[in-house]
Amino acid sequence: MNITSNKGKQVREKIIKFLEEKQVTISPASIQEITDAVGCGSLSVTSYHLGVLEKEGRIQREHKKARNIVLVKGK
């Protein structure tokens, strides 16, 4: 999937919206929860989109930690 495709952008916007909604809960989102919520075909597709969001500066991740996704404010 091309990272600049409209479908890819739509998936990433769904991920951001889900993460915004998940922030008000006690437990941070897992990659599996994100995959299920936005309808990605697999964990690897979700991981790919999270990597793109990280490169764009919209999220931060601490690698090798579970549930490690944090939205960057103002993006």
PDB file of N, CA and C in Angstrom:
ATOM      1  N   MET A   1       0.843  -1.177   0.000  1.00  0.00           N
ATOM      2  CA  MET A   1       0.000   0.000   0.000  1.00  0.00           C
ATOM      3  C   MET A   1       0.890   1.242   0.000  1.00  0.00           C
ATOM      4  N   ASN A   2       0.575   2.164  -0.836  1.00  0.00           N
ATOM      5  CA  ASN A   2       1.310   3.412  -0.929  1.00  0.00           C
ATOM      6  C   ASN A   2       0.949   4.305   0.260  1.00  0.00           C
ATOM      7  N   ILE A   3       1.963   4.836   0.935  1.00  0.00           N
ATOM      8  CA  ILE A   3       1.680   5.637   2.147  1.00  0.00           C
ATOM      9  C   ILE A   3       0.951   6.926   1.840  1.00  0.00           C
ATOM     10  N   THR A   4       0.946   7.365   0.577  1.00  0.00           N
ATOM     11  CA  THR A   4       0.253   8.602   0.231  1.00  0.00           C
ATOM     12  C   THR A   4      -1.121   8.343  -0.362  1.00  0.00           C
ATOM     13  N   SER A   5      -1.547   7.086  -0.460  1.00  0.00           N
ATOM     14  CA  SER A   5      -2.854   6.775  -1.034  1.00  0.00           C
ATOM     15  C   SER A   5      -3.967   7.283  -0.124  1.00  0.00           C
ATOM     16  N   ASN A   6      -5.109   7.566  -0.736  1.00  0.00           N
ATOM     17  CA  ASN A   6      -6.255   8.030   0.056  1.00  0.00           C
ATOM     18  C   ASN A   6      -6.713   6.981   1.052  1.00  0.00           C
ATOM     19  N   LYS A   7      -6.716   5.715   0.629  1.00  0.00           N
ATOM     20  CA  LYS A   7      -7.136   4.656   1.548  1.00  0.00           C
ATOM     21  C   LYS A   7      -6.194   4.578   2.746  1.00  0.00           C
ATOM     22  N   GLY A   8      -4.892   4.690   2.504  1.00  0.00           N
ATOM     23  CA  GLY A   8      -3.922   4.678   3.601  1.00  0.00           C
ATOM     24  C   GLY A   8      -4.132   5.838   4.551  1.00  0.00           C
ATOM     25  N   LYS A   9      -4.392   7.009   3.992  1.00  0.00           N
ATOM     26  CA  LYS A   9      -4.645   8.188   4.833  1.00  0.00           C
ATOM     27  C   LYS A   9      -5.905   8.001   5.662  1.00  0.00           C
ATOM     28  N   GLN A  10      -6.936   7.408   5.060  1.00  0.00           N
ATOM     29  CA  GLN A  10      -8.178   7.167   5.789  1.00  0.00           C
ATOM     30  C   GLN A  10      -7.956   6.206   6.954  1.00  0.00           C
ATOM     31  N   VAL A  11      -7.179   5.167   6.727  1.00  0.00           N
ATOM     32  CA  VAL A  11      -6.880   4.210   7.795  1.00  0.00           C
ATOM     33  C   VAL A  11      -6.141   4.913   8.921  1.00  0.00           C
ATOM     34  N   ARG A  12      -5.147   5.728   8.576  1.00  0.00           N
ATOM     35  CA  ARG A  12      -4.378   6.425   9.617  1.00  0.00           C
ATOM     36  C   ARG A  12      -5.253   7.412  10.384  1.00  0.00           C
ATOM     37  N   GLU A  13      -6.187   8.066   9.711  1.00  0.00           N
ATOM     38  CA  GLU A  13      -7.098   8.970  10.428  1.00  0.00           C
ATOM     39  C   GLU A  13      -8.002   8.183  11.378  1.00  0.00           C
ATOM     40  N   LYS A  14      -8.430   6.991  10.976  1.00  0.00           N
ATOM     41  CA  LYS A  14      -9.217   6.137  11.869  1.00  0.00           C
ATOM     42  C   LYS A  14      -8.394   5.741  13.090  1.00  0.00           C
ATOM     43  N   ILE A  15      -7.119   5.444  12.868  1.00  0.00           N
ATOM     44  CA  ILE A  15      -6.236   5.075  13.984  1.00  0.00           C
ATOM     45  C   ILE A  15      -6.115   6.242  14.947  1.00  0.00           C
ATOM     46  N   ILE A  16      -5.877   7.445  14.428  1.00  0.00           N
ATOM     47  CA  ILE A  16      -5.751   8.634  15.284  1.00  0.00           C
ATOM     48  C   ILE A  16      -7.038   8.852  16.071  1.00  0.00           C
ATOM     49  N   LYS A  17      -8.181   8.747  15.404  1.00  0.00           N
ATOM     50  CA  LYS A  17      -9.461   8.947  16.099  1.00  0.00           C
ATOM     51  C   LYS A  17      -9.638   7.908  17.207  1.00  0.00           C
ATOM     52  N   PHE A  18      -9.328   6.651  16.915  1.00  0.00           N
ATOM     53  CA  PHE A  18      -9.432   5.600  17.924  1.00  0.00           C
ATOM     54  C   PHE A  18      -8.518   5.900  19.112  1.00  0.00           C
ATOM     55  N   LEU A  19      -7.279   6.306  18.828  1.00  0.00           N
ATOM     56  CA  LEU A  19      -6.340   6.612  19.914  1.00  0.00           C
ATOM     57  C   LEU A  19      -6.824   7.788  20.752  1.00  0.00           C
ATOM     58  N   GLU A  20      -7.427   8.784  20.112  1.00  0.00           N
ATOM     59  CA  GLU A  20      -7.971   9.928  20.863  1.00  0.00           C
ATOM     60  C   GLU A  20      -9.076   9.462  21.796  1.00  0.00           C
ATOM     61  N   GLU A  21      -9.952   8.606  21.304  1.00  0.00           N
ATOM     62  CA  GLU A  21     -11.049   8.087  22.126  1.00  0.00           C
ATOM     63  C   GLU A  21     -10.522   7.183  23.235  1.00  0.00           C
ATOM     64  N   LYS A  22      -9.488   6.411  22.938  1.00  0.00           N
ATOM     65  CA  LYS A  22      -8.929   5.458  23.906  1.00  0.00           C
ATOM     66  C   LYS A  22      -8.183   6.175  25.032  1.00  0.00           C
ATOM     67  N   GLN A  23      -7.725   7.400  24.796  1.00  0.00           N
ATOM     68  CA  GLN A  23      -6.959   8.129  25.817  1.00  0.00           C
ATOM     69  C   GLN A  23      -7.763   8.375  27.087  1.00  0.00           C
ATOM     70  N   VAL A  24      -9.069   8.407  26.992  1.00  0.00           N
ATOM     71  CA  VAL A  24      -9.880   8.698  28.173  1.00  0.00           C
ATOM     72  C   VAL A  24     -10.102   7.466  29.044  1.00  0.00           C
ATOM     73  N   THR A  25      -9.619   6.308  28.589  1.00  0.00           N
ATOM     74  CA  THR A  25      -9.758   5.093  29.391  1.00  0.00           C
ATOM     75  C   THR A  25      -8.496   4.868  30.221  1.00  0.00           C
ATOM     76  N   ILE A  26      -8.572   3.922  31.115  1.00  0.00           N
ATOM     77  CA  ILE A  26      -7.448   3.630  31.999  1.00  0.00           C
ATOM     78  C   ILE A  26      -6.308   2.955  31.251  1.00  0.00           C
ATOM     79  N   SER A  27      -6.637   2.066  30.321  1.00  0.00           N
ATOM     80  CA  SER A  27      -5.633   1.245  29.653  1.00  0.00           C
ATOM     81  C   SER A  27      -5.322   1.759  28.252  1.00  0.00           C
ATOM     82  N   PRO A  28      -4.046   1.957  27.917  1.00  0.00           N
ATOM     83  CA  PRO A  28      -3.681   2.360  26.556  1.00  0.00           C
ATOM     84  C   PRO A  28      -4.047   1.264  25.557  1.00  0.00           C
ATOM     85  N   ALA A  29      -4.166   1.636  24.294  1.00  0.00           N
ATOM     86  CA  ALA A  29      -4.561   0.701  23.241  1.00  0.00           C
ATOM     87  C   ALA A  29      -3.432  -0.258  22.885  1.00  0.00           C
ATOM     88  N   SER A  30      -3.816  -1.490  22.595  1.00  0.00           N
ATOM     89  CA  SER A  30      -2.860  -2.456  22.067  1.00  0.00           C
ATOM     90  C   SER A  30      -2.959  -2.439  20.541  1.00  0.00           C
ATOM     91  N   ILE A  31      -1.960  -2.983  19.877  1.00  0.00           N
ATOM     92  CA  ILE A  31      -1.998  -3.042  18.420  1.00  0.00           C
ATOM     93  C   ILE A  31      -3.172  -3.913  17.971  1.00  0.00           C
ATOM     94  N   GLN A  32      -3.463  -4.980  18.695  1.00  0.00           N
ATOM     95  CA  GLN A  32      -4.609  -5.823  18.345  1.00  0.00           C
ATOM     96  C   GLN A  32      -5.913  -5.047  18.446  1.00  0.00           C
ATOM     97  N   GLU A  33      -6.081  -4.251  19.499  1.00  0.00           N
ATOM     98  CA  GLU A  33      -7.290  -3.440  19.653  1.00  0.00           C
ATOM     99  C   GLU A  33      -7.421  -2.436  18.507  1.00  0.00           C
ATOM    100  N   ILE A  34      -6.324  -1.821  18.124  1.00  0.00           N
ATOM    101  CA  ILE A  34      -6.347  -0.866  17.011  1.00  0.00           C
ATOM    102  C   ILE A  34      -6.726  -1.583  15.725  1.00  0.00           C
ATOM    103  N   THR A  35      -6.118  -2.747  15.480  1.00  0.00           N
ATOM    104  CA  THR A  35      -6.405  -3.534  14.280  1.00  0.00           C
ATOM    105  C   THR A  35      -7.896  -3.851  14.198  1.00  0.00           C
ATOM    106  N   ASP A  36      -8.460  -4.316  15.292  1.00  0.00           N
ATOM    107  CA  ASP A  36      -9.884  -4.665  15.327  1.00  0.00           C
ATOM    108  C   ASP A  36     -10.767  -3.435  15.136  1.00  0.00           C
ATOM    109  N   ALA A  37     -10.415  -2.320  15.783  1.00  0.00           N
ATOM    110  CA  ALA A  37     -11.248  -1.125  15.755  1.00  0.00           C
ATOM    111  C   ALA A  37     -11.299  -0.462  14.380  1.00  0.00           C
ATOM    112  N   VAL A  38     -10.192  -0.458  13.667  1.00  0.00           N
ATOM    113  CA  VAL A  38     -10.163   0.248  12.381  1.00  0.00           C
ATOM    114  C   VAL A  38     -10.327  -0.677  11.187  1.00  0.00           C
ATOM    115  N   GLY A  39     -10.387  -1.973  11.432  1.00  0.00           N
ATOM    116  CA  GLY A  39     -10.635  -2.921  10.360  1.00  0.00           C
ATOM    117  C   GLY A  39      -9.438  -3.217   9.478  1.00  0.00           C
ATOM    118  N   CYS A  40      -8.238  -3.076  10.014  1.00  0.00           N
ATOM    119  CA  CYS A  40      -7.040  -3.460   9.258  1.00  0.00           C
ATOM    120  C   CYS A  40      -7.032  -4.974   9.111  1.00  0.00           C
ATOM    121  N   GLY A  41      -6.451  -5.459   8.034  1.00  0.00           N
ATOM    122  CA  GLY A  41      -6.451  -6.882   7.755  1.00  0.00           C
ATOM    123  C   GLY A  41      -5.569  -7.705   8.673  1.00  0.00           C
ATOM    124  N   SER A  42      -4.522  -7.079   9.232  1.00  0.00           N
ATOM    125  CA  SER A  42      -3.595  -7.835  10.073  1.00  0.00           C
ATOM    126  C   SER A  42      -2.824  -6.885  10.975  1.00  0.00           C
ATOM    127  N   LEU A  43      -2.140  -7.486  11.942  1.00  0.00           N
ATOM    128  CA  LEU A  43      -1.307  -6.695  12.846  1.00  0.00           C
ATOM    129  C   LEU A  43      -0.183  -6.002  12.085  1.00  0.00           C
ATOM    130  N   SER A  44       0.342  -6.660  11.059  1.00  0.00           N
ATOM    131  CA  SER A  44       1.449  -6.054  10.305  1.00  0.00           C
ATOM    132  C   SER A  44       0.991  -4.824   9.531  1.00  0.00           C
ATOM    133  N   VAL A  45      -0.242  -4.830   9.022  1.00  0.00           N
ATOM    134  CA  VAL A  45      -0.773  -3.649   8.332  1.00  0.00           C
ATOM    135  C   VAL A  45      -0.919  -2.504   9.327  1.00  0.00           C
ATOM    136  N   THR A  46      -1.448  -2.810  10.499  1.00  0.00           N
ATOM    137  CA  THR A  46      -1.591  -1.784  11.535  1.00  0.00           C
ATOM    138  C   THR A  46      -0.217  -1.251  11.946  1.00  0.00           C
ATOM    139  N   SER A  47       0.741  -2.123  12.141  1.00  0.00           N
ATOM    140  CA  SER A  47       2.100  -1.708  12.507  1.00  0.00           C
ATOM    141  C   SER A  47       2.697  -0.791  11.438  1.00  0.00           C
ATOM    142  N   TYR A  48       2.450  -1.133  10.176  1.00  0.00           N
ATOM    143  CA  TYR A  48       2.926  -0.289   9.072  1.00  0.00           C
ATOM    144  C   TYR A  48       2.363   1.126   9.207  1.00  0.00           C
ATOM    145  N   HIS A  49       1.052   1.231   9.403  1.00  0.00           N
ATOM    146  CA  HIS A  49       0.415   2.548   9.509  1.00  0.00           C
ATOM    147  C   HIS A  49       0.888   3.294  10.757  1.00  0.00           C
ATOM    148  N   LEU A  50       1.105   2.580  11.850  1.00  0.00           N
ATOM    149  CA  LEU A  50       1.640   3.225  13.050  1.00  0.00           C
ATOM    150  C   LEU A  50       3.045   3.768  12.774  1.00  0.00           C
ATOM    151  N   GLY A  51       3.832   3.034  12.010  1.00  0.00           N
ATOM    152  CA  GLY A  51       5.166   3.511  11.622  1.00  0.00           C
ATOM    153  C   GLY A  51       5.095   4.779  10.808  1.00  0.00           C
ATOM    154  N   VAL A  52       4.132   4.859   9.890  1.00  0.00           N
ATOM    155  CA  VAL A  52       3.955   6.070   9.081  1.00  0.00           C
ATOM    156  C   VAL A  52       3.551   7.236   9.979  1.00  0.00           C
ATOM    157  N   LEU A  53       2.608   6.994  10.885  1.00  0.00           N
ATOM    158  CA  LEU A  53       2.177   8.054  11.809  1.00  0.00           C
ATOM    159  C   LEU A  53       3.335   8.524  12.681  1.00  0.00           C
ATOM    160  N   GLU A  54       4.189   7.606  13.062  1.00  0.00           N
ATOM    161  CA  GLU A  54       5.358   7.970  13.867  1.00  0.00           C
ATOM    162  C   GLU A  54       6.319   8.832  13.051  1.00  0.00           C
ATOM    163  N   LYS A  55       6.563   8.466  11.803  1.00  0.00           N
ATOM    164  CA  LYS A  55       7.439   9.262  10.929  1.00  0.00           C
ATOM    165  C   LYS A  55       6.869  10.651  10.670  1.00  0.00           C
ATOM    166  N   GLU A  56       5.540  10.735  10.606  1.00  0.00           N
ATOM    167  CA  GLU A  56       4.879  12.029  10.404  1.00  0.00           C
ATOM    168  C   GLU A  56       4.880  12.875  11.681  1.00  0.00           C
ATOM    169  N   GLY A  57       5.268  12.283  12.802  1.00  0.00           N
ATOM    170  CA  GLY A  57       5.313  13.006  14.062  1.00  0.00           C
ATOM    171  C   GLY A  57       3.972  13.122  14.756  1.00  0.00           C
ATOM    172  N   ARG A  58       3.003  12.284  14.373  1.00  0.00           N
ATOM    173  CA  ARG A  58       1.666  12.355  14.965  1.00  0.00           C
ATOM    174  C   ARG A  58       1.526  11.474  16.195  1.00  0.00           C
ATOM    175  N   ILE A  59       2.397  10.468  16.310  1.00  0.00           N
ATOM    176  CA  ILE A  59       2.426   9.621  17.502  1.00  0.00           C
ATOM    177  C   ILE A  59       3.878   9.399  17.897  1.00  0.00           C
ATOM    178  N   GLN A  60       4.041   8.967  19.144  1.00  0.00           N
ATOM    179  CA  GLN A  60       5.355   8.538  19.626  1.00  0.00           C
ATOM    180  C   GLN A  60       5.199   7.129  20.158  1.00  0.00           C
ATOM    181  N   ARG A  61       6.229   6.316  19.932  1.00  0.00           N
ATOM    182  CA  ARG A  61       6.216   4.941  20.420  1.00  0.00           C
ATOM    183  C   ARG A  61       7.544   4.636  21.082  1.00  0.00           C
ATOM    184  N   GLU A  62       7.470   3.930  22.184  1.00  0.00           N
ATOM    185  CA  GLU A  62       8.678   3.429  22.825  1.00  0.00           C
ATOM    186  C   GLU A  62       8.782   1.965  22.433  1.00  0.00           C
ATOM    187  N   HIS A  63       9.717   1.682  21.570  1.00  0.00           N
ATOM    188  CA  HIS A  63       9.829   0.341  21.013  1.00  0.00           C
ATOM    189  C   HIS A  63      10.175  -0.681  22.094  1.00  0.00           C
ATOM    190  N   LYS A  64       9.746  -1.880  21.860  1.00  0.00           N
ATOM    191  CA  LYS A  64       9.934  -3.019  22.761  1.00  0.00           C
ATOM    192  C   LYS A  64       9.116  -2.908  24.038  1.00  0.00           C
ATOM    193  N   LYS A  65       8.085  -2.070  24.019  1.00  0.00           N
ATOM    194  CA  LYS A  65       7.171  -1.964  25.145  1.00  0.00           C
ATOM    195  C   LYS A  65       5.752  -2.165  24.628  1.00  0.00           C
ATOM    196  N   ALA A  66       4.973  -2.940  25.344  1.00  0.00           N
ATOM    197  CA  ALA A  66       3.578  -3.143  24.967  1.00  0.00           C
ATOM    198  C   ALA A  66       2.762  -1.891  25.291  1.00  0.00           C
ATOM    199  N   ARG A  67       1.778  -1.647  24.503  1.00  0.00           N
ATOM    200  CA  ARG A  67       0.860  -0.510  24.708  1.00  0.00           C
ATOM    201  C   ARG A  67       1.627   0.803  24.890  1.00  0.00           C
ATOM    202  N   ASN A  68       2.423   1.109  23.911  1.00  0.00           N
ATOM    203  CA  ASN A  68       3.383   2.199  24.032  1.00  0.00           C
ATOM    204  C   ASN A  68       3.110   3.373  23.103  1.00  0.00           C
ATOM    205  N   ILE A  69       1.887   3.536  22.643  1.00  0.00           N
ATOM    206  CA  ILE A  69       1.567   4.553  21.647  1.00  0.00           C
ATOM    207  C   ILE A  69       0.980   5.782  22.332  1.00  0.00           C
ATOM    208  N   VAL A  70       1.577   6.944  22.049  1.00  0.00           N
ATOM    209  CA  VAL A  70       1.127   8.198  22.635  1.00  0.00           C
ATOM    210  C   VAL A  70       0.901   9.199  21.511  1.00  0.00           C
ATOM    211  N   LEU A  71      -0.247   9.844  21.520  1.00  0.00           N
ATOM    212  CA  LEU A  71      -0.520  10.888  20.536  1.00  0.00           C
ATOM    213  C   LEU A  71       0.334  12.109  20.826  1.00  0.00           C
ATOM    214  N   VAL A  72       0.814  12.744  19.777  1.00  0.00           N
ATOM    215  CA  VAL A  72       1.567  13.986  19.912  1.00  0.00           C
ATOM    216  C   VAL A  72       0.572  15.131  19.784  1.00  0.00           C
ATOM    217  N   LYS A  73       0.508  15.958  20.773  1.00  0.00           N
ATOM    218  CA  LYS A  73      -0.455  17.066  20.764  1.00  0.00           C
ATOM    219  C   LYS A  73      -0.089  18.085  19.690  1.00  0.00           C
ATOM    220  N   GLY A  74      -1.140  18.651  19.087  1.00  0.00           N
ATOM    221  CA  GLY A  74      -0.930  19.693  18.093  1.00  0.00           C
ATOM    222  C   GLY A  74      -0.645  19.200  16.705  1.00  0.00           C
ATOM    223  N   LYS A  75      -0.759  17.910  16.450  1.00  0.00           N
ATOM    224  CA  LYS A  75      -0.501  17.368  15.102  1.00  0.00           C
ATOM    225  C   LYS A  75      -1.792  16.987  14.439  1.00  0.00           C
TER     226      LYS A  75
END
